[in-house]
């Protein structure tokens, strides 16, 4: 059940990240979900590295997860754009 909950939260986080970042985005629902889950993981990793989530069981909130997903979405756009301009 934990994996299913993570995917649902990741989908919401990824959708909100796409909503907050203007512009046309490559990818569909699966990419959105993966960016949301990865953004939450990145936010949790950075938060633990900085000492924000020191006690066990605490992790990033929805806002920090959205910021992490927006960061990954920006990187994803750069990679896809560079790949597309090289082939054209």
N, C-alpha and C. Protein backbone atom coordinates (compact mmCIF):
# COMPACT_ATOMS: atom_id res chain seq x y z
N UNK A 1 0.81 -1.19 0.00
CA UNK A 1 0.00 0.00 0.00
C UNK A 1 0.86 1.26 0.00
N UNK A 2 2.05 1.19 0.60
CA UNK A 2 2.95 2.33 0.64
C UNK A 2 3.41 2.77 -0.73
N UNK A 3 3.67 1.80 -1.61
CA UNK A 3 4.11 2.13 -2.96
C UNK A 3 2.98 2.82 -3.73
N UNK A 4 1.78 2.32 -3.59
CA UNK A 4 0.63 2.93 -4.26
C UNK A 4 0.42 4.36 -3.77
N UNK A 5 0.53 4.58 -2.47
CA UNK A 5 0.37 5.92 -1.90
C UNK A 5 1.47 6.84 -2.43
N UNK A 6 2.69 6.35 -2.51
CA UNK A 6 3.81 7.14 -3.04
C UNK A 6 3.56 7.54 -4.48
N UNK A 7 3.03 6.64 -5.29
CA UNK A 7 2.74 6.95 -6.69
C UNK A 7 1.63 7.98 -6.82
N UNK A 8 0.62 7.88 -5.98
CA UNK A 8 -0.48 8.85 -6.03
C UNK A 8 0.01 10.24 -5.62
N UNK A 9 0.77 10.31 -4.53
CA UNK A 9 1.32 11.59 -4.10
C UNK A 9 2.28 12.13 -5.16
N UNK A 10 3.08 11.25 -5.76
CA UNK A 10 3.99 11.66 -6.83
C UNK A 10 3.26 12.22 -8.03
N UNK A 11 2.13 11.65 -8.38
CA UNK A 11 1.33 12.16 -9.49
C UNK A 11 0.82 13.56 -9.18
N UNK A 12 0.33 13.76 -7.96
CA UNK A 12 -0.16 15.08 -7.56
C UNK A 12 0.97 16.10 -7.54
N UNK A 13 2.11 15.73 -6.96
CA UNK A 13 3.25 16.63 -6.89
C UNK A 13 3.75 16.97 -8.29
N UNK A 14 3.86 15.98 -9.16
CA UNK A 14 4.30 16.23 -10.54
C UNK A 14 3.34 17.12 -11.30
N UNK A 15 2.04 16.90 -11.11
CA UNK A 15 1.05 17.74 -11.79
C UNK A 15 1.12 19.18 -11.29
N UNK A 16 1.30 19.38 -9.99
CA UNK A 16 1.42 20.73 -9.45
C UNK A 16 2.71 21.40 -9.93
N UNK A 17 3.78 20.64 -10.03
CA UNK A 17 5.04 21.21 -10.54
C UNK A 17 4.87 21.66 -11.98
N UNK A 18 4.18 20.87 -12.80
CA UNK A 18 3.93 21.27 -14.19
C UNK A 18 3.01 22.50 -14.25
N UNK A 19 2.07 22.58 -13.33
CA UNK A 19 1.16 23.72 -13.29
C UNK A 19 1.91 25.01 -12.94
N UNK A 20 2.86 24.93 -12.03
CA UNK A 20 3.59 26.11 -11.58
C UNK A 20 4.70 26.53 -12.53
N UNK A 21 5.13 25.65 -13.41
CA UNK A 21 6.19 26.00 -14.38
C UNK A 21 5.54 26.22 -15.74
N UNK A 22 5.58 27.43 -16.24
CA UNK A 22 4.95 27.70 -17.54
C UNK A 22 5.74 27.06 -18.67
N UNK A 23 5.06 26.86 -19.79
CA UNK A 23 5.71 26.32 -20.97
C UNK A 23 5.19 24.95 -21.32
N UNK A 24 5.54 24.55 -22.53
CA UNK A 24 5.12 23.24 -23.02
C UNK A 24 6.06 22.17 -22.48
N UNK A 25 5.47 21.11 -21.98
CA UNK A 25 6.25 20.03 -21.39
C UNK A 25 6.15 18.76 -22.21
N UNK A 26 7.30 18.11 -22.43
CA UNK A 26 7.26 16.81 -23.06
C UNK A 26 6.84 15.76 -22.03
N UNK A 27 6.27 14.69 -22.48
CA UNK A 27 5.90 13.61 -21.57
C UNK A 27 4.45 13.67 -21.17
N UNK A 28 3.98 12.55 -20.66
CA UNK A 28 2.59 12.45 -20.25
C UNK A 28 2.46 12.18 -18.77
N UNK A 29 1.47 11.39 -18.43
CA UNK A 29 1.14 11.10 -17.04
C UNK A 29 2.26 10.32 -16.36
N UNK A 30 2.86 9.39 -17.06
CA UNK A 30 3.92 8.58 -16.47
C UNK A 30 5.13 9.45 -16.13
N UNK A 31 5.52 10.33 -17.04
CA UNK A 31 6.64 11.24 -16.79
C UNK A 31 6.30 12.16 -15.63
N UNK A 32 5.06 12.63 -15.58
CA UNK A 32 4.61 13.49 -14.48
C UNK A 32 4.75 12.76 -13.15
N UNK A 33 4.30 11.52 -13.10
CA UNK A 33 4.37 10.74 -11.88
C UNK A 33 5.82 10.50 -11.47
N UNK A 34 6.65 10.14 -12.42
CA UNK A 34 8.06 9.89 -12.11
C UNK A 34 8.77 11.15 -11.62
N UNK A 35 8.47 12.29 -12.24
CA UNK A 35 9.07 13.54 -11.79
C UNK A 35 8.61 13.90 -10.38
N UNK A 36 7.36 13.65 -10.07
CA UNK A 36 6.86 13.93 -8.72
C UNK A 36 7.49 13.05 -7.67
N UNK A 37 7.59 11.75 -7.95
CA UNK A 37 8.21 10.83 -7.00
C UNK A 37 9.69 11.16 -6.84
N UNK A 38 10.37 11.40 -7.96
CA UNK A 38 11.79 11.74 -7.90
C UNK A 38 12.01 13.07 -7.20
N UNK A 39 11.13 14.03 -7.43
CA UNK A 39 11.24 15.32 -6.74
C UNK A 39 11.10 15.19 -5.25
N UNK A 40 10.20 14.34 -4.81
CA UNK A 40 10.04 14.09 -3.39
C UNK A 40 11.27 13.41 -2.81
N UNK A 41 11.83 12.46 -3.55
CA UNK A 41 13.04 11.78 -3.09
C UNK A 41 14.22 12.75 -3.01
N UNK A 42 14.36 13.60 -4.02
CA UNK A 42 15.45 14.60 -4.01
C UNK A 42 15.27 15.56 -2.84
N UNK A 43 14.05 16.01 -2.61
CA UNK A 43 13.79 16.93 -1.50
C UNK A 43 14.10 16.26 -0.16
N UNK A 44 13.73 15.01 -0.02
CA UNK A 44 14.02 14.29 1.21
C UNK A 44 15.51 14.08 1.42
N UNK A 45 16.22 13.73 0.35
CA UNK A 45 17.66 13.53 0.43
C UNK A 45 18.38 14.83 0.82
N UNK A 46 18.03 15.92 0.15
CA UNK A 46 18.66 17.20 0.46
C UNK A 46 18.29 17.67 1.88
N UNK A 47 17.05 17.45 2.29
CA UNK A 47 16.64 17.84 3.63
C UNK A 47 17.37 17.07 4.71
N UNK A 48 17.59 15.77 4.48
CA UNK A 48 18.35 14.98 5.45
C UNK A 48 19.82 15.39 5.46
N UNK A 49 20.36 15.71 4.29
CA UNK A 49 21.75 16.14 4.21
C UNK A 49 21.96 17.48 4.92
N UNK A 50 20.97 18.34 4.89
CA UNK A 50 21.07 19.64 5.55
C UNK A 50 20.62 19.60 7.01
N UNK A 51 20.14 18.46 7.46
CA UNK A 51 19.72 18.31 8.85
C UNK A 51 18.31 18.77 9.15
N UNK A 52 17.50 19.01 8.14
CA UNK A 52 16.13 19.45 8.36
C UNK A 52 15.23 18.33 8.86
N UNK A 53 15.47 17.12 8.41
CA UNK A 53 14.65 15.96 8.80
C UNK A 53 15.52 15.01 9.59
N UNK A 54 15.79 15.36 10.83
CA UNK A 54 16.73 14.58 11.62
C UNK A 54 16.07 13.40 12.32
N UNK A 55 14.82 13.52 12.72
CA UNK A 55 14.18 12.41 13.42
C UNK A 55 13.64 11.39 12.42
N UNK A 56 13.68 10.11 12.79
CA UNK A 56 13.19 9.06 11.88
C UNK A 56 11.70 9.22 11.58
N UNK A 57 11.35 8.93 10.36
CA UNK A 57 9.95 9.01 9.96
C UNK A 57 9.51 10.36 9.44
N UNK A 58 10.36 11.36 9.56
CA UNK A 58 10.00 12.66 9.02
C UNK A 58 10.57 12.79 7.62
N UNK A 59 9.89 13.50 6.80
CA UNK A 59 10.33 13.68 5.44
C UNK A 59 9.83 14.98 4.89
N UNK A 60 10.05 15.18 3.61
CA UNK A 60 9.67 16.46 3.01
C UNK A 60 8.16 16.61 2.93
N UNK A 61 7.72 17.83 3.05
CA UNK A 61 6.31 18.13 2.90
C UNK A 61 5.97 18.30 1.42
N UNK A 62 4.73 18.59 1.17
CA UNK A 62 4.27 18.70 -0.21
C UNK A 62 4.91 19.88 -0.93
N UNK A 63 5.14 20.98 -0.23
CA UNK A 63 5.71 22.17 -0.87
C UNK A 63 7.15 21.91 -1.29
N UNK A 64 7.92 21.32 -0.40
CA UNK A 64 9.32 21.02 -0.72
C UNK A 64 9.39 19.96 -1.82
N UNK A 65 8.48 19.01 -1.82
CA UNK A 65 8.44 18.00 -2.88
C UNK A 65 8.12 18.64 -4.22
N UNK A 66 7.23 19.62 -4.24
CA UNK A 66 6.90 20.32 -5.48
C UNK A 66 8.11 21.08 -5.99
N UNK A 67 8.85 21.72 -5.07
CA UNK A 67 10.05 22.44 -5.48
C UNK A 67 11.08 21.47 -6.06
N UNK A 68 11.25 20.32 -5.44
CA UNK A 68 12.16 19.30 -5.98
C UNK A 68 11.72 18.82 -7.35
N UNK A 69 10.42 18.61 -7.53
CA UNK A 69 9.91 18.17 -8.83
C UNK A 69 10.07 19.26 -9.88
N UNK A 70 9.90 20.53 -9.48
CA UNK A 70 10.11 21.63 -10.43
C UNK A 70 11.58 21.70 -10.86
N UNK A 71 12.47 21.46 -9.94
CA UNK A 71 13.90 21.43 -10.27
C UNK A 71 14.19 20.32 -11.28
N UNK A 72 13.66 19.15 -11.03
CA UNK A 72 13.87 18.03 -11.96
C UNK A 72 13.18 18.27 -13.30
N UNK A 73 12.01 18.91 -13.28
CA UNK A 73 11.31 19.23 -14.53
C UNK A 73 12.13 20.20 -15.37
N UNK A 74 12.74 21.19 -14.73
CA UNK A 74 13.60 22.12 -15.45
C UNK A 74 14.80 21.41 -16.07
N UNK A 75 15.42 20.52 -15.33
CA UNK A 75 16.55 19.74 -15.87
C UNK A 75 16.08 18.85 -17.02
N UNK A 76 14.92 18.23 -16.85
CA UNK A 76 14.36 17.36 -17.89
C UNK A 76 14.09 18.15 -19.17
N UNK A 77 13.55 19.36 -19.02
CA UNK A 77 13.29 20.19 -20.20
C UNK A 77 14.58 20.53 -20.93
N UNK A 78 15.63 20.87 -20.19
CA UNK A 78 16.92 21.18 -20.81
C UNK A 78 17.48 19.99 -21.58
N UNK A 79 17.41 18.81 -20.98
CA UNK A 79 17.94 17.61 -21.63
C UNK A 79 17.15 17.28 -22.88
N UNK A 80 15.83 17.32 -22.80
CA UNK A 80 15.00 16.99 -23.96
C UNK A 80 15.18 18.04 -25.06
N UNK A 81 15.27 19.30 -24.69
CA UNK A 81 15.44 20.37 -25.67
C UNK A 81 16.78 20.22 -26.40
N UNK A 82 17.85 19.94 -25.67
CA UNK A 82 19.16 19.75 -26.29
C UNK A 82 19.16 18.55 -27.22
N UNK A 83 18.53 17.47 -26.81
CA UNK A 83 18.47 16.27 -27.64
C UNK A 83 17.68 16.56 -28.92
N UNK A 84 16.59 17.33 -28.79
CA UNK A 84 15.75 17.63 -29.94
C UNK A 84 16.46 18.56 -30.90
N UNK A 85 17.21 19.54 -30.43
CA UNK A 85 17.88 20.47 -31.32
C UNK A 85 19.06 19.81 -32.04
N UNK A 86 19.65 18.80 -31.45
CA UNK A 86 20.75 18.10 -32.13
C UNK A 86 20.27 17.25 -33.29
N UNK A 87 19.07 16.67 -33.18
CA UNK A 87 18.59 15.78 -34.23
C UNK A 87 17.96 16.54 -35.37
N UNK A 88 17.58 17.80 -35.15
CA UNK A 88 16.91 18.57 -36.21
C UNK A 88 17.91 19.21 -37.12
